[in-house]
Amino acid sequence: MKKHFSTSLRVRTYECDLYGHVNNAVFLNYFEMARVEFLYYLGFSLQSLKKEGFLLPIVKIDIEYKKPVFPGEELELVVEWTKKGTTSAVFRQEALRDGEVTAAANVTWVVTDLNGKPINFPQSLLKAFEEKCGNI
């Protein structure tokens, strides 16, 4: 059973800065896109989370930039759920080019009700993760 999720994208020219490589801030978008795709993989959308009465806001992102990435290059974006608390968890995310890490992030998120109050993990989310990825 796969313990992580991955998706890919090709770098577009407008994502690059004057140095000719992907701007650091763009990796936030790449990692967000991968997390949303991961939710789809688990059977959720941002709208369905709301219908179930919870949200998954990000409270901290720590990114390390390792190698520049250039237009036209393909990146594999990996999401791995590495830690789970009572109301929060951590994803490890990596942007890989030909298997080599170009950027990596630890992303902390919290499960909240629709008013932003932290709540325990919904069973539906835990069950979907276990079915697709195994135990955390």
C-alpha atoms as a PDB file:
ATOM      1  CA  MET A   1       0.000   0.000   0.000  1.00  0.00           C
ATOM      2  CA  LYS A   2       1.335   3.425  -0.982  1.00  0.00           C
ATOM      3  CA  LYS A   3       2.161   5.565   2.088  1.00  0.00           C
ATOM      4  CA  HIS A   4       2.256   8.802   0.120  1.00  0.00           C
ATOM      5  CA  PHE A   5       0.475  10.572  -2.730  1.00  0.00           C
ATOM      6  CA  SER A   6       2.088  12.234  -5.728  1.00  0.00           C
ATOM      7  CA  THR A   7       1.029  14.296  -8.695  1.00  0.00           C
ATOM      8  CA  SER A   8       3.033  16.155 -11.331  1.00  0.00           C
ATOM      9  CA  LEU A   9       3.150  19.410 -13.247  1.00  0.00           C
ATOM     10  CA  ARG A  10       5.257  21.148 -15.867  1.00  0.00           C
ATOM     11  CA  VAL A  11       6.786  24.500 -14.848  1.00  0.00           C
ATOM     12  CA  ARG A  12       5.330  27.441 -16.745  1.00  0.00           C
ATOM     13  CA  THR A  13       7.383  30.480 -17.762  1.00  0.00           C
ATOM     14  CA  TYR A  14       5.204  32.961 -15.869  1.00  0.00           C
ATOM     15  CA  GLU A  15       6.079  31.183 -12.594  1.00  0.00           C
ATOM     16  CA  CYS A  16       9.711  32.215 -12.954  1.00  0.00           C
ATOM     17  CA  ASP A  17      11.445  35.336 -11.678  1.00  0.00           C
ATOM     18  CA  LEU A  18      14.223  37.546 -13.043  1.00  0.00           C
ATOM     19  CA  TYR A  19      16.762  34.856 -12.198  1.00  0.00           C
ATOM     20  CA  GLY A  20      15.023  32.593 -14.724  1.00  0.00           C
ATOM     21  CA  HIS A  21      13.944  29.951 -12.211  1.00  0.00           C
ATOM     22  CA  VAL A  22      10.742  29.263 -10.289  1.00  0.00           C
ATOM     23  CA  ASN A  23      10.122  31.999  -7.748  1.00  0.00           C
ATOM     24  CA  ASN A  24      10.251  30.747  -4.154  1.00  0.00           C
ATOM     25  CA  ALA A  25       6.678  31.893  -3.456  1.00  0.00           C
ATOM     26  CA  VAL A  26       5.380  29.723  -6.316  1.00  0.00           C
ATOM     27  CA  PHE A  27       6.271  26.580  -4.380  1.00  0.00           C
ATOM     28  CA  LEU A  28       3.492  27.510  -1.947  1.00  0.00           C
ATOM     29  CA  ASN A  29       1.074  27.210  -4.890  1.00  0.00           C
ATOM     30  CA  TYR A  30       2.617  23.941  -6.045  1.00  0.00           C
ATOM     31  CA  PHE A  31       2.335  22.414  -2.585  1.00  0.00           C
ATOM     32  CA  GLU A  32      -1.235  23.706  -2.156  1.00  0.00           C
ATOM     33  CA  MET A  33      -2.223  22.152  -5.491  1.00  0.00           C
ATOM     34  CA  ALA A  34      -0.729  18.825  -4.410  1.00  0.00           C
ATOM     35  CA  ARG A  35      -2.613  18.898  -1.083  1.00  0.00           C
ATOM     36  CA  VAL A  36      -5.905  19.608  -2.872  1.00  0.00           C
ATOM     37  CA  GLU A  37      -5.226  16.734  -5.295  1.00  0.00           C
ATOM     38  CA  PHE A  38      -4.456  14.534  -2.286  1.00  0.00           C
ATOM     39  CA  LEU A  39      -7.861  15.408  -0.813  1.00  0.00           C
ATOM     40  CA  TYR A  40      -9.515  14.456  -4.131  1.00  0.00           C
ATOM     41  CA  TYR A  41      -7.601  11.172  -4.035  1.00  0.00           C
ATOM     42  CA  LEU A  42      -9.064  10.532  -0.577  1.00  0.00           C
ATOM     43  CA  GLY A  43     -12.554  11.326  -1.894  1.00  0.00           C
ATOM     44  CA  PHE A  44     -12.918  14.864  -0.558  1.00  0.00           C
ATOM     45  CA  SER A  45     -13.105  18.357  -1.984  1.00  0.00           C
ATOM     46  CA  LEU A  46     -12.934  21.633  -0.103  1.00  0.00           C
ATOM     47  CA  GLN A  47     -16.706  21.911  -0.575  1.00  0.00           C
ATOM     48  CA  SER A  48     -17.376  18.417   0.779  1.00  0.00           C
ATOM     49  CA  LEU A  49     -15.291  19.181   3.878  1.00  0.00           C
ATOM     50  CA  LYS A  50     -17.596  22.118   4.595  1.00  0.00           C
ATOM     51  CA  LYS A  51     -20.671  19.934   4.078  1.00  0.00           C
ATOM     52  CA  GLU A  52     -19.262  17.512   6.670  1.00  0.00           C
ATOM     53  CA  GLY A  53     -18.752  20.442   9.044  1.00  0.00           C
ATOM     54  CA  PHE A  54     -14.967  20.775   9.150  1.00  0.00           C
ATOM     55  CA  LEU A  55     -12.053  22.586   7.526  1.00  0.00           C
ATOM     56  CA  LEU A  56      -8.303  21.895   7.303  1.00  0.00           C
ATOM     57  CA  PRO A  57      -6.524  25.267   7.563  1.00  0.00           C
ATOM     58  CA  ILE A  58      -2.751  25.473   7.345  1.00  0.00           C
ATOM     59  CA  VAL A  59      -1.137  27.060  10.416  1.00  0.00           C
ATOM     60  CA  LYS A  60       2.564  26.707   9.565  1.00  0.00           C
ATOM     61  CA  ILE A  61       4.728  25.992   6.538  1.00  0.00           C
ATOM     62  CA  ASP A  62       8.494  25.544   6.764  1.00  0.00           C
ATOM     63  CA  ILE A  63      10.080  25.337   3.287  1.00  0.00           C
ATOM     64  CA  GLU A  64      13.644  24.507   2.360  1.00  0.00           C
ATOM     65  CA  TYR A  65      14.753  25.400  -1.182  1.00  0.00           C
ATOM     66  CA  LYS A  66      17.460  23.052  -2.428  1.00  0.00           C
ATOM     67  CA  LYS A  67      17.852  23.457  -6.212  1.00  0.00           C
ATOM     68  CA  PRO A  68      16.553  25.907  -8.823  1.00  0.00           C
ATOM     69  CA  VAL A  69      13.791  24.743 -11.170  1.00  0.00           C
ATOM     70  CA  PHE A  70      13.398  26.109 -14.703  1.00  0.00           C
ATOM     71  CA  PRO A  71      10.588  26.549 -17.270  1.00  0.00           C
ATOM     72  CA  GLY A  72       9.512  23.366 -19.017  1.00  0.00           C
ATOM     73  CA  GLU A  73      10.848  21.048 -16.334  1.00  0.00           C
ATOM     74  CA  GLU A  74       8.497  18.485 -14.877  1.00  0.00           C
ATOM     75  CA  LEU A  75       8.101  18.191 -11.125  1.00  0.00           C
ATOM     76  CA  GLU A  76       6.656  15.358  -9.104  1.00  0.00           C
ATOM     77  CA  LEU A  77       4.908  16.756  -6.030  1.00  0.00           C
ATOM     78  CA  VAL A  78       4.784  14.330  -3.122  1.00  0.00           C
ATOM     79  CA  VAL A  79       2.494  14.565  -0.097  1.00  0.00           C
ATOM     80  CA  GLU A  80       3.068  12.321   2.903  1.00  0.00           C
ATOM     81  CA  TRP A  81       1.025  12.531   6.100  1.00  0.00           C
ATOM     82  CA  THR A  82       3.794  12.069   8.675  1.00  0.00           C
ATOM     83  CA  LYS A  83       2.370  13.037  12.051  1.00  0.00           C
ATOM     84  CA  LYS A  84      -1.062  13.126  13.675  1.00  0.00           C
ATOM     85  CA  GLY A  85      -2.082  14.735  16.948  1.00  0.00           C
ATOM     86  CA  THR A  86      -5.558  15.082  18.398  1.00  0.00           C
ATOM     87  CA  THR A  87      -6.567  18.112  16.319  1.00  0.00           C
ATOM     88  CA  SER A  88      -3.526  18.795  14.131  1.00  0.00           C
ATOM     89  CA  ALA A  89      -1.189  16.974  11.795  1.00  0.00           C
ATOM     90  CA  VAL A  90       1.893  17.449   9.609  1.00  0.00           C
ATOM     91  CA  PHE A  91       2.412  16.766   5.929  1.00  0.00           C
ATOM     92  CA  ARG A  92       5.887  16.347   4.483  1.00  0.00           C
ATOM     93  CA  GLN A  93       5.884  17.665   0.939  1.00  0.00           C
ATOM     94  CA  GLU A  94       8.610  17.475  -1.671  1.00  0.00           C
ATOM     95  CA  ALA A  95       9.044  18.806  -5.186  1.00  0.00           C
ATOM     96  CA  LEU A  96      11.159  16.289  -7.119  1.00  0.00           C
ATOM     97  CA  ARG A  97      12.872  16.663 -10.480  1.00  0.00           C
ATOM     98  CA  ASP A  98      14.053  13.314 -11.811  1.00  0.00           C
ATOM     99  CA  GLY A  99      13.846  11.929  -8.276  1.00  0.00           C
ATOM    100  CA  GLU A 100      15.971  14.710  -6.787  1.00  0.00           C
ATOM    101  CA  VAL A 101      14.484  17.055  -4.158  1.00  0.00           C
ATOM    102  CA  THR A 102      14.330  20.671  -5.355  1.00  0.00           C
ATOM    103  CA  ALA A 103      12.215  21.974  -2.451  1.00  0.00           C
ATOM    104  CA  ALA A 104      10.716  20.391   0.654  1.00  0.00           C
ATOM    105  CA  ALA A 105       8.225  21.578   3.252  1.00  0.00           C
ATOM    106  CA  ASN A 106       6.761  20.536   6.554  1.00  0.00           C
ATOM    107  CA  VAL A 107       3.150  21.716   6.594  1.00  0.00           C
ATOM    108  CA  THR A 108       1.193  21.847   9.852  1.00  0.00           C
ATOM    109  CA  TRP A 109      -2.581  21.903   9.632  1.00  0.00           C
ATOM    110  CA  VAL A 110      -5.476  21.841  12.067  1.00  0.00           C
ATOM    111  CA  VAL A 111      -8.938  20.314  11.850  1.00  0.00           C
ATOM    112  CA  THR A 112     -11.501  22.985  12.773  1.00  0.00           C
ATOM    113  CA  ASP A 113     -15.241  23.363  12.796  1.00  0.00           C
ATOM    114  CA  LEU A 114     -16.730  25.921  10.398  1.00  0.00           C
ATOM    115  CA  ASN A 115     -16.131  28.678  12.975  1.00  0.00           C
ATOM    116  CA  GLY A 116     -12.396  27.968  13.224  1.00  0.00           C
ATOM    117  CA  LYS A 117     -12.459  26.113  16.549  1.00  0.00           C
ATOM    118  CA  PRO A 118     -10.095  23.078  16.644  1.00  0.00           C
ATOM    119  CA  ILE A 119     -11.896  19.720  16.761  1.00  0.00           C
ATOM    120  CA  ASN A 120     -10.867  16.066  16.838  1.00  0.00           C
ATOM    121  CA  PHE A 121     -10.171  14.330  13.554  1.00  0.00           C
ATOM    122  CA  PRO A 122     -13.372  13.293  11.768  1.00  0.00           C
ATOM    123  CA  GLN A 123     -13.637   9.519  11.362  1.00  0.00           C
ATOM    124  CA  SER A 124     -14.489   9.958   7.675  1.00  0.00           C
ATOM    125  CA  LEU A 125     -11.085  11.551   7.015  1.00  0.00           C
ATOM    126  CA  LEU A 126      -9.150   8.962   9.014  1.00  0.00           C
ATOM    127  CA  LYS A 127     -11.034   6.090   7.363  1.00  0.00           C
ATOM    128  CA  ALA A 128     -10.405   7.431   3.847  1.00  0.00           C
ATOM    129  CA  PHE A 129      -6.706   7.852   4.587  1.00  0.00           C
ATOM    130  CA  GLU A 130      -6.367   4.362   6.061  1.00  0.00           C
ATOM    131  CA  GLU A 131      -8.172   2.811   3.074  1.00  0.00           C
ATOM    132  CA  LYS A 132      -5.917   4.550   0.531  1.00  0.00           C
ATOM    133  CA  CYS A 133      -2.612   4.860   2.407  1.00  0.00           C
ATOM    134  CA  GLY A 134      -2.634   2.644   5.492  1.00  0.00           C
ATOM    135  CA  ASN A 135      -2.036   3.784   9.050  1.00  0.00           C
ATOM    136  CA  ILE A 136      -0.365   7.084   9.798  1.00  0.00           C
END
